[in-house]
Amino acid sequence: MAKIINTIEEFEALINGDKVALIDLFATWCGPCRMIAPAIDSVYEKADGKYEVAKIDVDELEEVAYRYGVSSIPTLLYFKSGKLMEKAVGLRGEEQIIETINKYL
């Protein structure tokens, strides 16, 4: 299961690391977020150290959602070397998520 980020410091450390990072912005009450969760967890299991996968509950860490203009969830943020490379809103399949990550590896 993908790691849950609880602090802005954890978030900053992850996105500024040397690996591509996928951040899933979700909420526990969000139906589509629950639907995408198995795909996110599968992508995490397949990472094999090549990239990072983490989740942020927007109700717990609102600052990240505000910073990146997130108004709908689920939203996937793809980072490389601290820079936001891509933002995807709505449901995505596992293959589509991995294809996007591979663009930045």
PDB file of N, CA and C in Angstrom:
ATOM      1  N   MET A   1       0.847  -1.187   0.000  1.00  0.00           N
ATOM      2  CA  MET A   1       0.000   0.000   0.000  1.00  0.00           C
ATOM      3  C   MET A   1       0.890   1.247   0.000  1.00  0.00           C
ATOM      4  N   ALA A   2       0.520   2.204  -0.813  1.00  0.00           N
ATOM      5  CA  ALA A   2       1.303   3.441  -0.928  1.00  0.00           C
ATOM      6  C   ALA A   2       1.348   4.172   0.409  1.00  0.00           C
ATOM      7  N   LYS A   3       2.463   4.832   0.648  1.00  0.00           N
ATOM      8  CA  LYS A   3       2.669   5.581   1.884  1.00  0.00           C
ATOM      9  C   LYS A   3       1.736   6.793   1.938  1.00  0.00           C
ATOM     10  N   ILE A   4       1.210   7.082   3.120  1.00  0.00           N
ATOM     11  CA  ILE A   4       0.404   8.283   3.337  1.00  0.00           C
ATOM     12  C   ILE A   4       1.331   9.369   3.884  1.00  0.00           C
ATOM     13  N   ILE A   5       1.341  10.511   3.216  1.00  0.00           N
ATOM     14  CA  ILE A   5       2.153  11.644   3.666  1.00  0.00           C
ATOM     15  C   ILE A   5       1.296  12.496   4.598  1.00  0.00           C
ATOM     16  N   ASN A   6       1.842  12.803   5.784  1.00  0.00           N
ATOM     17  CA  ASN A   6       1.086  13.546   6.786  1.00  0.00           C
ATOM     18  C   ASN A   6       1.602  14.955   7.049  1.00  0.00           C
ATOM     19  N   THR A   7       2.815  15.265   6.576  1.00  0.00           N
ATOM     20  CA  THR A   7       3.375  16.588   6.849  1.00  0.00           C
ATOM     21  C   THR A   7       3.928  17.200   5.571  1.00  0.00           C
ATOM     22  N   ILE A   8       4.006  18.513   5.560  1.00  0.00           N
ATOM     23  CA  ILE A   8       4.568  19.214   4.406  1.00  0.00           C
ATOM     24  C   ILE A   8       6.041  18.877   4.253  1.00  0.00           C
ATOM     25  N   GLU A   9       6.724  18.608   5.364  1.00  0.00           N
ATOM     26  CA  GLU A   9       8.141  18.242   5.303  1.00  0.00           C
ATOM     27  C   GLU A   9       8.335  16.898   4.599  1.00  0.00           C
ATOM     28  N   GLU A  10       7.473  15.937   4.898  1.00  0.00           N
ATOM     29  CA  GLU A  10       7.536  14.636   4.211  1.00  0.00           C
ATOM     30  C   GLU A  10       7.296  14.814   2.712  1.00  0.00           C
ATOM     31  N   PHE A  11       6.316  15.647   2.383  1.00  0.00           N
ATOM     32  CA  PHE A  11       5.987  15.913   0.982  1.00  0.00           C
ATOM     33  C   PHE A  11       7.179  16.530   0.259  1.00  0.00           C
ATOM     34  N   GLU A  12       7.765  17.567   0.853  1.00  0.00           N
ATOM     35  CA  GLU A  12       8.908  18.243   0.233  1.00  0.00           C
ATOM     36  C   GLU A  12      10.081  17.286   0.033  1.00  0.00           C
ATOM     37  N   ALA A  13      10.364  16.467   1.031  1.00  0.00           N
ATOM     38  CA  ALA A  13      11.469  15.515   0.936  1.00  0.00           C
ATOM     39  C   ALA A  13      11.233  14.522  -0.201  1.00  0.00           C
ATOM     40  N   LEU A  14       9.998  14.065  -0.335  1.00  0.00           N
ATOM     41  CA  LEU A  14       9.694  13.084  -1.376  1.00  0.00           C
ATOM     42  C   LEU A  14       9.809  13.684  -2.769  1.00  0.00           C
ATOM     43  N   ILE A  15       9.204  14.841  -2.995  1.00  0.00           N
ATOM     44  CA  ILE A  15       9.213  15.398  -4.356  1.00  0.00           C
ATOM     45  C   ILE A  15      10.585  15.939  -4.752  1.00  0.00           C
ATOM     46  N   ASN A  16      11.409  16.288  -3.777  1.00  0.00           N
ATOM     47  CA  ASN A  16      12.738  16.808  -4.084  1.00  0.00           C
ATOM     48  C   ASN A  16      13.811  15.729  -4.099  1.00  0.00           C
ATOM     49  N   GLY A  17      13.400  14.485  -3.979  1.00  0.00           N
ATOM     50  CA  GLY A  17      14.341  13.374  -4.025  1.00  0.00           C
ATOM     51  C   GLY A  17      14.848  13.134  -5.440  1.00  0.00           C
ATOM     52  N   ASP A  18      15.629  12.096  -5.602  1.00  0.00           N
ATOM     53  CA  ASP A  18      16.238  11.818  -6.903  1.00  0.00           C
ATOM     54  C   ASP A  18      15.400  10.890  -7.782  1.00  0.00           C
ATOM     55  N   LYS A  19      14.179  10.567  -7.344  1.00  0.00           N
ATOM     56  CA  LYS A  19      13.306   9.699  -8.132  1.00  0.00           C
ATOM     57  C   LYS A  19      12.050  10.448  -8.542  1.00  0.00           C
ATOM     58  N   VAL A  20      11.468  10.015  -9.642  1.00  0.00           N
ATOM     59  CA  VAL A  20      10.162  10.528 -10.038  1.00  0.00           C
ATOM     60  C   VAL A  20       9.181  10.164  -8.925  1.00  0.00           C
ATOM     61  N   ALA A  21       8.293  11.088  -8.585  1.00  0.00           N
ATOM     62  CA  ALA A  21       7.325  10.844  -7.513  1.00  0.00           C
ATOM     63  C   ALA A  21       5.906  11.057  -8.018  1.00  0.00           C
ATOM     64  N   LEU A  22       5.056  10.096  -7.734  1.00  0.00           N
ATOM     65  CA  LEU A  22       3.628  10.199  -8.008  1.00  0.00           C
ATOM     66  C   LEU A  22       2.931  10.449  -6.683  1.00  0.00           C
ATOM     67  N   ILE A  23       2.157  11.524  -6.621  1.00  0.00           N
ATOM     68  CA  ILE A  23       1.391  11.850  -5.427  1.00  0.00           C
ATOM     69  C   ILE A  23      -0.093  11.779  -5.783  1.00  0.00           C
ATOM     70  N   ASP A  24      -0.831  10.942  -5.062  1.00  0.00           N
ATOM     71  CA  ASP A  24      -2.278  10.801  -5.239  1.00  0.00           C
ATOM     72  C   ASP A  24      -2.965  11.650  -4.178  1.00  0.00           C
ATOM     73  N   LEU A  25      -3.653  12.694  -4.604  1.00  0.00           N
ATOM     74  CA  LEU A  25      -4.425  13.525  -3.682  1.00  0.00           C
ATOM     75  C   LEU A  25      -5.841  12.954  -3.612  1.00  0.00           C
ATOM     76  N   PHE A  26      -6.273  12.620  -2.400  1.00  0.00           N
ATOM     77  CA  PHE A  26      -7.541  11.925  -2.217  1.00  0.00           C
ATOM     78  C   PHE A  26      -8.234  12.414  -0.942  1.00  0.00           C
ATOM     79  N   ALA A  27      -9.443  11.907  -0.718  1.00  0.00           N
ATOM     80  CA  ALA A  27     -10.158  12.096   0.551  1.00  0.00           C
ATOM     81  C   ALA A  27     -10.883  10.789   0.858  1.00  0.00           C
ATOM     82  N   THR A  28     -11.031  10.494   2.125  1.00  0.00           N
ATOM     83  CA  THR A  28     -11.651   9.227   2.519  1.00  0.00           C
ATOM     84  C   THR A  28     -13.116   9.145   2.092  1.00  0.00           C
ATOM     85  N   TRP A  29     -13.791  10.286   1.973  1.00  0.00           N
ATOM     86  CA  TRP A  29     -15.204  10.320   1.616  1.00  0.00           C
ATOM     87  C   TRP A  29     -15.451  10.296   0.109  1.00  0.00           C
ATOM     88  N   CYS A  30     -14.393  10.325  -0.689  1.00  0.00           N
ATOM     89  CA  CYS A  30     -14.485  10.465  -2.151  1.00  0.00           C
ATOM     90  C   CYS A  30     -14.616   9.098  -2.832  1.00  0.00           C
ATOM     91  N   GLY A  31     -15.770   8.860  -3.461  1.00  0.00           N
ATOM     92  CA  GLY A  31     -16.004   7.594  -4.163  1.00  0.00           C
ATOM     93  C   GLY A  31     -14.987   7.308  -5.259  1.00  0.00           C
ATOM     94  N   PRO A  32     -14.758   8.239  -6.197  1.00  0.00           N
ATOM     95  CA  PRO A  32     -13.763   7.992  -7.234  1.00  0.00           C
ATOM     96  C   PRO A  32     -12.354   7.751  -6.661  1.00  0.00           C
ATOM     97  N   CYS A  33     -12.049   8.369  -5.523  1.00  0.00           N
ATOM     98  CA  CYS A  33     -10.742   8.151  -4.885  1.00  0.00           C
ATOM     99  C   CYS A  33     -10.619   6.702  -4.425  1.00  0.00           C
ATOM    100  N   ARG A  34     -11.698   6.157  -3.904  1.00  0.00           N
ATOM    101  CA  ARG A  34     -11.689   4.752  -3.483  1.00  0.00           C
ATOM    102  C   ARG A  34     -11.577   3.834  -4.702  1.00  0.00           C
ATOM    103  N   MET A  35     -12.153   4.265  -5.826  1.00  0.00           N
ATOM    104  CA  MET A  35     -12.098   3.446  -7.044  1.00  0.00           C
ATOM    105  C   MET A  35     -10.689   3.389  -7.634  1.00  0.00           C
ATOM    106  N   ILE A  36      -9.929   4.485  -7.534  1.00  0.00           N
ATOM    107  CA  ILE A  36      -8.586   4.521  -8.104  1.00  0.00           C
ATOM    108  C   ILE A  36      -7.545   3.908  -7.156  1.00  0.00           C
ATOM    109  N   ALA A  37      -7.897   3.756  -5.885  1.00  0.00           N
ATOM    110  CA  ALA A  37      -6.944   3.277  -4.876  1.00  0.00           C
ATOM    111  C   ALA A  37      -6.272   1.948  -5.237  1.00  0.00           C
ATOM    112  N   PRO A  38      -6.994   0.943  -5.736  1.00  0.00           N
ATOM    113  CA  PRO A  38      -6.307  -0.311  -6.090  1.00  0.00           C
ATOM    114  C   PRO A  38      -5.255  -0.123  -7.189  1.00  0.00           C
ATOM    115  N   ALA A  39      -5.525   0.754  -8.154  1.00  0.00           N
ATOM    116  CA  ALA A  39      -4.548   1.026  -9.211  1.00  0.00           C
ATOM    117  C   ALA A  39      -3.308   1.698  -8.631  1.00  0.00           C
ATOM    118  N   ILE A  40      -3.501   2.654  -7.725  1.00  0.00           N
ATOM    119  CA  ILE A  40      -2.374   3.343  -7.091  1.00  0.00           C
ATOM    120  C   ILE A  40      -1.537   2.352  -6.302  1.00  0.00           C
ATOM    121  N   ASP A  41      -2.203   1.477  -5.540  1.00  0.00           N
ATOM    122  CA  ASP A  41      -1.474   0.486  -4.750  1.00  0.00           C
ATOM    123  C   ASP A  41      -0.709  -0.488  -5.644  1.00  0.00           C
ATOM    124  N   SER A  42      -1.278  -0.863  -6.778  1.00  0.00           N
ATOM    125  CA  SER A  42      -0.597  -1.754  -7.710  1.00  0.00           C
ATOM    126  C   SER A  42       0.617  -1.068  -8.335  1.00  0.00           C
ATOM    127  N   VAL A  43       0.475   0.199  -8.696  1.00  0.00           N
ATOM    128  CA  VAL A  43       1.604   0.971  -9.242  1.00  0.00           C
ATOM    129  C   VAL A  43       2.716   1.045  -8.195  1.00  0.00           C
ATOM    130  N   TYR A  44       2.334   1.253  -6.948  1.00  0.00           N
ATOM    131  CA  TYR A  44       3.307   1.292  -5.854  1.00  0.00           C
ATOM    132  C   TYR A  44       4.054  -0.042  -5.743  1.00  0.00           C
ATOM    133  N   GLU A  45       3.316  -1.137  -5.797  1.00  0.00           N
ATOM    134  CA  GLU A  45       3.932  -2.462  -5.676  1.00  0.00           C
ATOM    135  C   GLU A  45       4.893  -2.759  -6.827  1.00  0.00           C
ATOM    136  N   LYS A  46       4.661  -2.164  -7.985  1.00  0.00           N
ATOM    137  CA  LYS A  46       5.506  -2.405  -9.156  1.00  0.00           C
ATOM    138  C   LYS A  46       6.680  -1.430  -9.257  1.00  0.00           C
ATOM    139  N   ALA A  47       6.782  -0.487  -8.331  1.00  0.00           N
ATOM    140  CA  ALA A  47       7.815   0.557  -8.408  1.00  0.00           C
ATOM    141  C   ALA A  47       9.220  -0.025  -8.383  1.00  0.00           C
ATOM    142  N   ASP A  48       9.457  -1.026  -7.575  1.00  0.00           N
ATOM    143  CA  ASP A  48      10.748  -1.697  -7.492  1.00  0.00           C
ATOM    144  C   ASP A  48      11.909  -0.713  -7.360  1.00  0.00           C
ATOM    145  N   GLY A  49      11.682   0.367  -6.611  1.00  0.00           N
ATOM    146  CA  GLY A  49      12.744   1.338  -6.368  1.00  0.00           C
ATOM    147  C   GLY A  49      12.997   2.326  -7.495  1.00  0.00           C
ATOM    148  N   LYS A  50      12.264   2.218  -8.603  1.00  0.00           N
ATOM    149  CA  LYS A  50      12.490   3.111  -9.751  1.00  0.00           C
ATOM    150  C   LYS A  50      11.827   4.470  -9.576  1.00  0.00           C
ATOM    151  N   TYR A  51      10.738   4.513  -8.817  1.00  0.00           N
ATOM    152  CA  TYR A  51       9.994   5.750  -8.598  1.00  0.00           C
ATOM    153  C   TYR A  51       9.297   5.656  -7.248  1.00  0.00           C
ATOM    154  N   GLU A  52       8.775   6.799  -6.794  1.00  0.00           N
ATOM    155  CA  GLU A  52       8.073   6.873  -5.512  1.00  0.00           C
ATOM    156  C   GLU A  52       6.578   7.029  -5.743  1.00  0.00           C
ATOM    157  N   VAL A  53       5.784   6.453  -4.853  1.00  0.00           N
ATOM    158  CA  VAL A  53       4.330   6.602  -4.895  1.00  0.00           C
ATOM    159  C   VAL A  53       3.854   6.904  -3.477  1.00  0.00           C
ATOM    160  N   ALA A  54       3.071   7.960  -3.347  1.00  0.00           N
ATOM    161  CA  ALA A  54       2.535   8.321  -2.024  1.00  0.00           C
ATOM    162  C   ALA A  54       1.158   8.940  -2.189  1.00  0.00           C
ATOM    163  N   LYS A  55       0.449   9.015  -1.073  1.00  0.00           N
ATOM    164  CA  LYS A  55      -0.906   9.560  -1.063  1.00  0.00           C
ATOM    165  C   LYS A  55      -0.981  10.683  -0.039  1.00  0.00           C
ATOM    166  N   ILE A  56      -1.819  11.673  -0.345  1.00  0.00           N
ATOM    167  CA  ILE A  56      -2.081  12.769   0.583  1.00  0.00           C
ATOM    168  C   ILE A  56      -3.585  12.937   0.705  1.00  0.00           C
ATOM    169  N   ASP A  57      -4.077  12.863   1.947  1.00  0.00           N
ATOM    170  CA  ASP A  57      -5.487  13.131   2.226  1.00  0.00           C
ATOM    171  C   ASP A  57      -5.644  14.660   2.257  1.00  0.00           C
ATOM    172  N   VAL A  58      -6.400  15.193   1.308  1.00  0.00           N
ATOM    173  CA  VAL A  58      -6.518  16.651   1.195  1.00  0.00           C
ATOM    174  C   VAL A  58      -7.214  17.277   2.403  1.00  0.00           C
ATOM    175  N   ASP A  59      -7.955  16.492   3.152  1.00  0.00           N
ATOM    176  CA  ASP A  59      -8.586  17.018   4.367  1.00  0.00           C
ATOM    177  C   ASP A  59      -7.569  17.148   5.504  1.00  0.00           C
ATOM    178  N   GLU A  60      -6.490  16.387   5.426  1.00  0.00           N
ATOM    179  CA  GLU A  60      -5.463  16.404   6.468  1.00  0.00           C
ATOM    180  C   GLU A  60      -4.297  17.337   6.130  1.00  0.00           C
ATOM    181  N   LEU A  61      -4.001  17.495   4.841  1.00  0.00           N
ATOM    182  CA  LEU A  61      -2.862  18.314   4.408  1.00  0.00           C
ATOM    183  C   LEU A  61      -3.314  19.203   3.245  1.00  0.00           C
ATOM    184  N   GLU A  62      -4.190  20.164   3.584  1.00  0.00           N
ATOM    185  CA  GLU A  62      -4.801  21.035   2.574  1.00  0.00           C
ATOM    186  C   GLU A  62      -3.788  21.880   1.826  1.00  0.00           C
ATOM    187  N   GLU A  63      -2.676  22.197   2.446  1.00  0.00           N
ATOM    188  CA  GLU A  63      -1.690  23.099   1.848  1.00  0.00           C
ATOM    189  C   GLU A  63      -1.223  22.629   0.471  1.00  0.00           C
ATOM    190  N   VAL A  64      -1.046  21.342   0.305  1.00  0.00           N
ATOM    191  CA  VAL A  64      -0.570  20.820  -0.982  1.00  0.00           C
ATOM    192  C   VAL A  64      -1.633  21.038  -2.062  1.00  0.00           C
ATOM    193  N   ALA A  65      -2.890  20.765  -1.727  1.00  0.00           N
ATOM    194  CA  ALA A  65      -3.972  20.980  -2.694  1.00  0.00           C
ATOM    195  C   ALA A  65      -4.053  22.448  -3.102  1.00  0.00           C
ATOM    196  N   TYR A  66      -3.943  23.353  -2.138  1.00  0.00           N
ATOM    197  CA  TYR A  66      -3.982  24.786  -2.447  1.00  0.00           C
ATOM    198  C   TYR A  66      -2.793  25.186  -3.317  1.00  0.00           C
ATOM    199  N   ARG A  67      -1.625  24.718  -2.960  1.00  0.00           N
ATOM    200  CA  ARG A  67      -0.399  25.098  -3.680  1.00  0.00           C
ATOM    201  C   ARG A  67      -0.463  24.735  -5.159  1.00  0.00           C
ATOM    202  N   TYR A  68      -1.089  23.598  -5.476  1.00  0.00           N
ATOM    203  CA  TYR A  68      -1.113  23.130  -6.860  1.00  0.00           C
ATOM    204  C   TYR A  68      -2.478  23.301  -7.525  1.00  0.00           C
ATOM    205  N   GLY A  69      -3.337  24.122  -6.938  1.00  0.00           N
ATOM    206  CA  GLY A  69      -4.609  24.463  -7.565  1.00  0.00           C
ATOM    207  C   GLY A  69      -5.536  23.282  -7.767  1.00  0.00           C
ATOM    208  N   VAL A  70      -5.542  22.365  -6.830  1.00  0.00           N
ATOM    209  CA  VAL A  70      -6.379  21.176  -6.945  1.00  0.00           C
ATOM    210  C   VAL A  70      -7.781  21.497  -6.449  1.00  0.00           C
ATOM    211  N   SER A  71      -8.761  21.363  -7.358  1.00  0.00           N
ATOM    212  CA  SER A  71     -10.147  21.641  -6.983  1.00  0.00           C
ATOM    213  C   SER A  71     -11.030  20.407  -7.098  1.00  0.00           C
ATOM    214  N   SER A  72     -10.505  19.343  -7.699  1.00  0.00           N
ATOM    215  CA  SER A  72     -11.240  18.083  -7.821  1.00  0.00           C
ATOM    216  C   SER A  72     -10.308  16.940  -7.445  1.00  0.00           C
ATOM    217  N   ILE A  73     -10.882  15.913  -6.872  1.00  0.00           N
ATOM    218  CA  ILE A  73     -10.098  14.735  -6.540  1.00  0.00           C
ATOM    219  C   ILE A  73     -10.812  13.505  -7.081  1.00  0.00           C
ATOM    220  N   PRO A  74     -10.094  12.449  -7.389  1.00  0.00           N
ATOM    221  CA  PRO A  74      -8.660  12.299  -7.216  1.00  0.00           C
ATOM    222  C   PRO A  74      -7.870  13.120  -8.229  1.00  0.00           C
ATOM    223  N   THR A  75      -6.734  13.621  -7.767  1.00  0.00           N
ATOM    224  CA  THR A  75      -5.773  14.288  -8.638  1.00  0.00           C
ATOM    225  C   THR A  75      -4.423  13.623  -8.438  1.00  0.00           C
ATOM    226  N   LEU A  76      -3.767  13.317  -9.545  1.00  0.00           N
ATOM    227  CA  LEU A  76      -2.431  12.728  -9.508  1.00  0.00           C
ATOM    228  C   LEU A  76      -1.425  13.788  -9.915  1.00  0.00           C
ATOM    229  N   LEU A  77      -0.409  13.980  -9.086  1.00  0.00           N
ATOM    230  CA  LEU A  77       0.670  14.926  -9.374  1.00  0.00           C
ATOM    231  C   LEU A  77       1.940  14.125  -9.627  1.00  0.00           C
ATOM    232  N   TYR A  78       2.598  14.414 -10.746  1.00  0.00           N
ATOM    233  CA  TYR A  78       3.842  13.736 -11.114  1.00  0.00           C
ATOM    234  C   TYR A  78       4.988  14.737 -10.993  1.00  0.00           C
ATOM    235  N   PHE A  79       5.974  14.410 -10.175  1.00  0.00           N
ATOM    236  CA  PHE A  79       7.113  15.296  -9.923  1.00  0.00           C
ATOM    237  C   PHE A  79       8.413  14.657 -10.358  1.00  0.00           C
ATOM    238  N   LYS A  80       9.341  15.505 -10.789  1.00  0.00           N
ATOM    239  CA  LYS A  80      10.720  15.078 -11.060  1.00  0.00           C
ATOM    240  C   LYS A  80      11.625  16.195 -10.567  1.00  0.00           C
ATOM    241  N   SER A  81      12.553  15.853  -9.685  1.00  0.00           N
ATOM    242  CA  SER A  81      13.514  16.825  -9.135  1.00  0.00           C
ATOM    243  C   SER A  81      12.818  18.063  -8.562  1.00  0.00           C
ATOM    244  N   GLY A  82      11.704  17.864  -7.878  1.00  0.00           N
ATOM    245  CA  GLY A  82      11.000  18.961  -7.234  1.00  0.00           C
ATOM    246  C   GLY A  82      10.073  19.751  -8.132  1.00  0.00           C
ATOM    247  N   LYS A  83      10.064  19.439  -9.421  1.00  0.00           N
ATOM    248  CA  LYS A  83       9.246  20.186 -10.380  1.00  0.00           C
ATOM    249  C   LYS A  83       8.004  19.380 -10.756  1.00  0.00           C
ATOM    250  N   LEU A  84       6.834  20.049 -10.717  1.00  0.00           N
ATOM    251  CA  LEU A  84       5.606  19.405 -11.161  1.00  0.00           C
ATOM    252  C   LEU A  84       5.675  19.209 -12.670  1.00  0.00           C
ATOM    253  N   MET A  85       5.647  17.957 -13.100  1.00  0.00           N
ATOM    254  CA  MET A  85       5.742  17.646 -14.522  1.00  0.00           C
ATOM    255  C   MET A  85       4.360  17.519 -15.169  1.00  0.00           C
ATOM    256  N   GLU A  86       3.416  16.990 -14.390  1.00  0.00           N
ATOM    257  CA  GLU A  86       2.084  16.746 -14.954  1.00  0.00           C
ATOM    258  C   GLU A  86       1.072  16.628 -13.826  1.00  0.00           C
ATOM    259  N   LYS A  87      -0.159  17.037 -14.136  1.00  0.00           N
ATOM    260  CA  LYS A  87      -1.272  16.917 -13.190  1.00  0.00           C
ATOM    261  C   LYS A  87      -2.418  16.249 -13.932  1.00  0.00           C
ATOM    262  N   ALA A  88      -2.966  15.183 -13.359  1.00  0.00           N
ATOM    263  CA  ALA A  88      -4.072  14.450 -13.981  1.00  0.00           C
ATOM    264  C   ALA A  88      -5.236  14.399 -12.995  1.00  0.00           C
ATOM    265  N   VAL A  89      -6.408  14.828 -13.452  1.00  0.00           N
ATOM    266  CA  VAL A  89      -7.587  14.876 -12.593  1.00  0.00           C
ATOM    267  C   VAL A  89      -8.555  13.781 -13.015  1.00  0.00           C
ATOM    268  N   GLY A  90      -9.084  13.062 -12.041  1.00  0.00           N
ATOM    269  CA  GLY A  90     -10.088  12.035 -12.312  1.00  0.00           C
ATOM    270  C   GLY A  90      -9.484  10.644 -12.341  1.00  0.00           C
ATOM    271  N   LEU A  91     -10.356   9.686 -12.646  1.00  0.00           N
ATOM    272  CA  LEU A  91      -9.942   8.289 -12.634  1.00  0.00           C
ATOM    273  C   LEU A  91      -8.935   7.992 -13.737  1.00  0.00           C
ATOM    274  N   ARG A  92      -7.968   7.170 -13.408  1.00  0.00           N
ATOM    275  CA  ARG A  92      -6.956   6.704 -14.347  1.00  0.00           C
ATOM    276  C   ARG A  92      -6.736   5.223 -14.074  1.00  0.00           C
ATOM    277  N   GLY A  93      -6.454   4.479 -15.113  1.00  0.00           N
ATOM    278  CA  GLY A  93      -6.133   3.065 -14.949  1.00  0.00           C
ATOM    279  C   GLY A  93      -4.654   2.888 -14.637  1.00  0.00           C
ATOM    280  N   GLU A  94      -4.319   1.725 -14.121  1.00  0.00           N
ATOM    281  CA  GLU A  94      -2.936   1.417 -13.758  1.00  0.00           C
ATOM    282  C   GLU A  94      -1.975   1.619 -14.936  1.00  0.00           C
ATOM    283  N   GLU A  95      -2.334   1.098 -16.104  1.00  0.00           N
ATOM    284  CA  GLU A  95      -1.450   1.228 -17.275  1.00  0.00           C
ATOM    285  C   GLU A  95      -1.219   2.689 -17.636  1.00  0.00           C
ATOM    286  N   GLN A  96      -2.260   3.489 -17.601  1.00  0.00           N
ATOM    287  CA  GLN A  96      -2.151   4.910 -17.936  1.00  0.00           C
ATOM    288  C   GLN A  96      -1.238   5.622 -16.936  1.00  0.00           C
ATOM    289  N   ILE A  97      -1.343   5.277 -15.660  1.00  0.00           N
ATOM    290  CA  ILE A  97      -0.511   5.888 -14.626  1.00  0.00           C
ATOM    291  C   ILE A  97       0.957   5.515 -14.851  1.00  0.00           C
ATOM    292  N   ILE A  98       1.210   4.239 -15.122  1.00  0.00           N
ATOM    293  CA  ILE A  98       2.593   3.785 -15.345  1.00  0.00           C
ATOM    294  C   ILE A  98       3.174   4.411 -16.611  1.00  0.00           C
ATOM    295  N   GLU A  99       2.370   4.541 -17.660  1.00  0.00           N
ATOM    296  CA  GLU A  99       2.847   5.197 -18.889  1.00  0.00           C
ATOM    297  C   GLU A  99       3.299   6.623 -18.596  1.00  0.00           C
ATOM    298  N   THR A 100       2.521   7.337 -17.788  1.00  0.00           N
ATOM    299  CA  THR A 100       2.884   8.721 -17.443  1.00  0.00           C
ATOM    300  C   THR A 100       4.174   8.744 -16.637  1.00  0.00           C
ATOM    301  N   ILE A 101       4.304   7.874 -15.655  1.00  0.00           N
ATOM    302  CA  ILE A 101       5.544   7.821 -14.870  1.00  0.00           C
ATOM    303  C   ILE A 101       6.728   7.544 -15.781  1.00  0.00           C
ATOM    304  N   ASN A 102       6.575   6.596 -16.698  1.00  0.00           N
ATOM    305  CA  ASN A 102       7.680   6.220 -17.590  1.00  0.00           C
ATOM    306  C   ASN A 102       8.172   7.368 -18.457  1.00  0.00           C
ATOM    307  N   LYS A 103       7.298   8.333 -18.745  1.00  0.00           N
ATOM    308  CA  LYS A 103       7.727   9.500 -19.539  1.00  0.00           C
ATOM    309  C   LYS A 103       8.813  10.293 -18.830  1.00  0.00           C
ATOM    310  N   TYR A 104       8.857  10.216 -17.510  1.00  0.00           N
ATOM    311  CA  TYR A 104       9.773  11.053 -16.730  1.00  0.00           C
ATOM    312  C   TYR A 104      10.933  10.289 -16.102  1.00  0.00           C
ATOM    313  N   LEU A 105      10.992   8.982 -16.315  1.00  0.00           N
ATOM    314  CA  LEU A 105      12.106   8.202 -15.748  1.00  0.00           C
ATOM    315  C   LEU A 105      13.394   8.434 -16.509  1.00  0.00           C
TER     316      LEU A 105
END
